[in-house]
Each structure stands twice: as structure tokens, then as C-alpha cells.
Amino acid sequence: MNTLTADKKQKLILVAVLTGVVIALIWFLLIGTLQDHITLKLSKARETADKVADAQKKLAQTAAIEEKLAAATRKLATTEDDGMASGDLYFWIINTINRFKLAYRVDIPVFSQPEEIKATLLPDFPYKSVRYNIRGSAYYHDLGRFLAAFENSQPYLFVQNLEVLPSETVQHDDPEKLNFRMDIVALVKPTALAAAKP
């Protein structure tokens, strides 16, 4: 049954070896390259799918983010309206102080015009400030209670450069009354300064 000659056996082995070499070359040069190319394309497709999924998630959150932004904007507007100086800045401070001092025995007849100053609370602070110099008279304890309550209730106003002096005119009914002068610094609503300037 073994009818193959040695020459035919060698040719058959040579054909088998060449076929193996050709198959190996086809595998490494064509199929391997195509597999690498397909792997790279699949990786890019996965990255793109992840980016699309991330974008869709962000788009789904857009409504919630817009609602949070609107709520924060409303809260900021309310905060600015409730405590920051606005309108005619000179009459604003007079009205604010006069409304507040009703509960205290403090007399404040002198208010200076507002002086715009650079806000130094934080770097790149978005609000401007104005400073007022006010003068008045009060008894020591009344002035202390007034200042404590004023600074605690007014988050956008603060007192600087407080000077307490003995009364220049001694009257018989109140010899213990003191004169005082102080600066009040107020944060200004952004539209108020623009409206106040000609």
C-alpha cells in the first residue's frame, strides 16, 4: 500500500511545509493585521460609546442643573434685595439705621455721603462696597447693645473705626452720655452703583 516513492514523499513533504508556511504568512500578515485593526476599531467604538453614554447622562441632568442654577439665581437675587445697599445709597443708609435704632436709645444725626471703596473681603470679590461715616451720641451700654445687635442682624454691613469720646457739652440731665463716630461699610447690589453714577 505504500506506493509512494522517495521523490514523491519529498515533494509531498515540501508541499506540506510550503502550505504551512503560506498559511502562517497569511495568518500573520493578513489575518493578524486585520485582527489588530478590528481590536483597535472595537476599542475606539467602546470609547465613543462611553462618550455618548456620558453625554446622554449629562443631557439627562441638564434640566436638574438648570433648575439648580435658577434656584441659586433666585436665592442670590433675594439675598441681594434683602440686605445689600441699593437705590439712592445716601437715603438707604439713613433709612436702614433709623429703622434699626428705634429699639435703642441711640441718637445718630450725622451721616456722610457714601464713599465707594474696594472690597477686600476676598480676592476677586464681585461686589463693590461703600463707606459711610456716621456720628451720634448714646450711653455706653446703649451703644454697646446697639452695635452688637446691628452687626449681628446685618450680614452685609459692618462697623469699622469706632471712636467713643466724652460728650463735648455736659448737660445736667445726661452727664454720662458719650459721643461716637464710626464708619459703616456696606456691600452694594451691583445695579445700585451703576444707577447712582451719572
Protein backbone atom coordinates (compact mmCIF):
# COMPACT_ATOMS: atom_id res chain seq x y z
CA MET A 1 0.00 0.00 0.00
CA ASN A 2 2.89 2.13 0.41
CA THR A 3 3.30 3.04 -3.25
CA LEU A 4 4.87 6.45 -2.80
CA THR A 5 8.37 6.76 -3.97
CA ALA A 6 11.01 8.68 -2.08
CA ASP A 7 10.83 11.51 -4.62
CA LYS A 8 7.07 11.78 -4.24
CA LYS A 9 7.39 11.67 -0.46
CA GLN A 10 9.87 14.55 -0.54
CA LYS A 11 7.59 16.53 -2.85
CA LEU A 12 4.63 15.81 -0.60
CA ILE A 13 6.59 16.95 2.49
CA LEU A 14 7.77 20.05 0.59
CA VAL A 15 4.16 20.87 -0.43
CA ALA A 16 3.02 20.36 3.18
CA VAL A 17 5.82 22.59 4.51
CA LEU A 18 5.15 25.26 1.86
CA THR A 19 1.43 25.09 2.57
CA GLY A 20 2.17 25.54 6.30
CA VAL A 21 4.48 28.48 5.53
CA VAL A 22 1.86 30.08 3.25
CA ILE A 23 -0.85 29.56 5.88
CA ALA A 24 1.45 31.05 8.56
CA LEU A 25 2.25 34.03 6.31
CA ILE A 26 -1.43 34.57 5.53
CA TRP A 27 -2.24 34.33 9.24
CA PHE A 28 0.45 36.74 10.42
CA LEU A 29 0.35 39.20 7.53
CA LEU A 30 -3.34 39.32 6.71
CA ILE A 31 -5.42 37.85 9.50
CA GLY A 32 -3.21 39.10 12.36
CA THR A 33 -3.14 42.62 10.92
CA LEU A 34 -6.89 42.54 10.40
CA GLN A 35 -7.42 41.29 13.95
CA ASP A 36 -5.26 44.13 15.34
CA HIS A 37 -7.19 46.59 13.17
CA ILE A 38 -10.52 45.15 14.36
CA THR A 39 -9.36 45.26 18.01
CA LEU A 40 -8.34 48.90 17.59
CA LYS A 41 -11.68 49.75 15.94
CA LEU A 42 -13.59 47.95 18.71
CA SER A 43 -11.61 49.86 21.35
CA LYS A 44 -12.40 53.17 19.63
CA ALA A 45 -16.04 52.14 19.30
CA ARG A 46 -16.18 51.38 23.04
CA GLU A 47 -14.59 54.76 23.83
CA THR A 48 -17.09 56.51 21.57
CA ALA A 49 -19.97 54.57 23.13
CA ASP A 50 -18.72 55.60 26.60
CA LYS A 51 -18.53 59.25 25.50
CA VAL A 52 -22.03 59.04 24.02
CA ALA A 53 -23.36 57.45 27.23
CA ASP A 54 -21.64 60.17 29.30
CA ALA A 55 -23.08 62.89 27.05
CA GLN A 56 -26.55 61.36 27.30
CA LYS A 57 -26.23 61.23 31.09
CA LYS A 58 -25.21 64.89 31.15
CA LEU A 59 -28.06 65.79 28.81
CA ALA A 60 -30.44 63.98 31.13
CA GLN A 61 -29.08 66.04 34.03
CA THR A 62 -29.40 69.33 32.14
CA ALA A 63 -32.91 70.00 33.40
CA ALA A 64 -31.87 69.36 37.01
CA ILE A 65 -28.76 71.55 36.64
CA GLU A 66 -30.80 74.34 35.04
CA GLU A 67 -33.30 74.13 37.91
CA LYS A 68 -30.46 74.32 40.47
CA LEU A 69 -29.00 77.31 38.62
CA ALA A 70 -32.41 79.04 38.55
CA ALA A 71 -32.89 78.35 42.28
CA ALA A 72 -29.41 79.68 43.09
CA THR A 73 -30.06 82.78 40.95
CA ARG A 74 -33.37 83.41 42.75
CA LYS A 75 -31.68 82.94 46.14
CA LEU A 76 -28.88 85.35 45.16
CA ALA A 77 -31.41 87.95 43.96
CA THR A 78 -33.38 87.60 47.21
CA THR A 79 -30.20 87.90 49.26
CA GLU A 80 -29.12 90.99 47.34
CA ASP A 81 -32.59 92.56 47.76
CA ASP A 82 -32.84 91.79 51.48
CA GLY A 83 -29.64 93.27 52.79
CA MET A 84 -27.42 94.95 50.25
CA ALA A 85 -27.37 98.66 49.68
CA SER A 86 -29.41 99.73 46.67
CA GLY A 87 -31.23 102.69 45.19
CA ASP A 88 -30.12 106.10 46.49
CA LEU A 89 -27.24 104.94 48.69
CA TYR A 90 -27.33 108.01 50.96
CA PHE A 91 -31.01 107.66 51.82
CA TRP A 92 -30.66 103.89 52.01
CA ILE A 93 -28.21 104.10 54.95
CA ILE A 94 -30.31 106.75 56.71
CA ASN A 95 -33.45 104.61 56.41
CA THR A 96 -31.62 101.42 57.43
CA ILE A 97 -30.04 102.98 60.54
CA ASN A 98 -33.18 104.91 61.56
CA ARG A 99 -35.37 101.81 61.19
CA PHE A 100 -32.93 99.74 63.24
CA LYS A 101 -32.22 102.26 66.02
CA LEU A 102 -35.89 102.58 67.01
CA ALA A 103 -35.42 99.83 69.60
CA TYR A 104 -32.32 101.51 71.13
CA ARG A 105 -31.63 104.79 72.88
CA VAL A 106 -29.08 105.97 70.36
CA ASP A 107 -29.11 109.33 68.60
CA ILE A 108 -27.44 109.41 65.15
CA PRO A 109 -27.97 112.78 63.45
CA VAL A 110 -24.92 112.87 61.11
CA PHE A 111 -24.48 110.68 58.03
CA SER A 112 -21.77 111.26 55.43
CA GLN A 113 -22.26 110.74 51.72
CA PRO A 114 -21.28 107.21 50.60
CA GLU A 115 -17.69 106.76 49.51
CA GLU A 116 -17.02 103.89 47.13
CA ILE A 117 -14.17 101.67 48.33
CA LYS A 118 -12.56 98.49 47.08
CA ALA A 119 -13.99 95.40 48.76
CA THR A 120 -11.15 93.49 50.37
CA LEU A 121 -13.11 90.63 51.91
CA LEU A 122 -11.93 88.08 49.35
CA PRO A 123 -9.71 88.24 46.26
CA ASP A 124 -11.70 88.97 43.09
CA PHE A 125 -14.78 89.77 45.18
CA PRO A 126 -17.65 90.52 42.75
CA TYR A 127 -19.34 93.19 44.88
CA LYS A 128 -18.42 96.81 45.48
CA SER A 129 -18.52 98.45 48.88
CA VAL A 130 -19.37 101.90 50.14
CA ARG A 131 -18.29 103.50 53.39
CA TYR A 132 -20.37 105.90 55.46
CA ASN A 133 -19.10 107.96 58.38
CA ILE A 134 -21.80 108.42 60.98
CA ARG A 135 -21.77 110.36 64.24
CA GLY A 136 -24.04 110.29 67.20
CA SER A 137 -24.42 110.06 70.93
CA ALA A 138 -25.58 107.41 73.38
CA TYR A 139 -24.95 106.00 76.81
CA TYR A 140 -22.19 103.42 76.98
CA HIS A 141 -24.39 100.34 77.47
CA ASP A 142 -26.98 101.50 74.93
CA LEU A 143 -24.26 102.00 72.34
CA GLY A 144 -22.82 98.54 73.07
CA ARG A 145 -26.21 96.84 72.71
CA PHE A 146 -26.94 98.79 69.53
CA LEU A 147 -23.61 97.84 67.92
CA ALA A 148 -23.88 94.17 68.91
CA ALA A 149 -27.42 93.84 67.58
CA PHE A 150 -26.67 95.87 64.46
CA GLU A 151 -23.67 93.80 63.41
CA ASN A 152 -25.42 90.50 64.22
CA SER A 153 -28.56 91.37 62.26
CA GLN A 154 -26.96 92.99 59.22
CA PRO A 155 -24.75 90.45 57.39
CA TYR A 156 -23.81 92.90 54.60
CA LEU A 157 -22.87 95.82 56.85
CA PHE A 158 -20.01 96.06 59.29
CA VAL A 159 -18.59 98.68 61.60
CA GLN A 160 -15.04 99.99 61.35
CA ASN A 161 -13.01 102.68 63.10
CA LEU A 162 -15.27 103.15 66.09
CA GLU A 163 -14.29 106.12 68.27
CA VAL A 164 -16.03 106.80 71.56
CA LEU A 165 -15.43 110.24 73.04
CA PRO A 166 -16.73 112.04 76.11
CA SER A 167 -19.54 114.44 75.39
CA GLU A 168 -18.32 117.88 74.37
CA THR A 169 -21.22 119.62 76.04
CA VAL A 170 -22.06 118.45 79.52
CA GLN A 171 -25.74 118.80 80.21
CA HIS A 172 -27.20 118.45 83.66
CA ASP A 173 -29.66 115.72 82.74
CA ASP A 174 -27.20 113.38 80.97
CA PRO A 175 -23.56 113.94 82.02
CA GLU A 176 -22.63 110.31 81.21
CA LYS A 177 -23.67 110.44 77.56
CA LEU A 178 -20.89 109.70 75.07
CA ASN A 179 -20.28 110.89 71.53
CA PHE A 180 -19.23 108.36 68.96
CA ARG A 181 -18.23 108.23 65.35
CA MET A 182 -17.73 105.18 63.21
CA ASP A 183 -17.51 104.01 59.64
CA ILE A 184 -20.09 101.61 58.32
CA VAL A 185 -19.08 99.59 55.28
CA ALA A 186 -21.92 98.19 53.17
CA LEU A 187 -21.90 95.77 50.27
CA VAL A 188 -23.71 97.25 47.30
CA LYS A 189 -26.11 95.50 44.99
CA PRO A 190 -24.34 95.52 41.58
CA THR A 191 -27.07 97.50 39.82
CA ALA A 192 -27.17 100.15 42.56
CA LEU A 193 -23.72 101.63 41.84
CA ALA A 194 -24.40 101.77 38.12
CA ALA A 195 -27.68 103.62 38.76
CA ALA A 196 -26.08 106.00 41.29
CA LYS A 197 -23.36 107.19 38.89
CA PRO A 198 -24.35 109.87 36.33
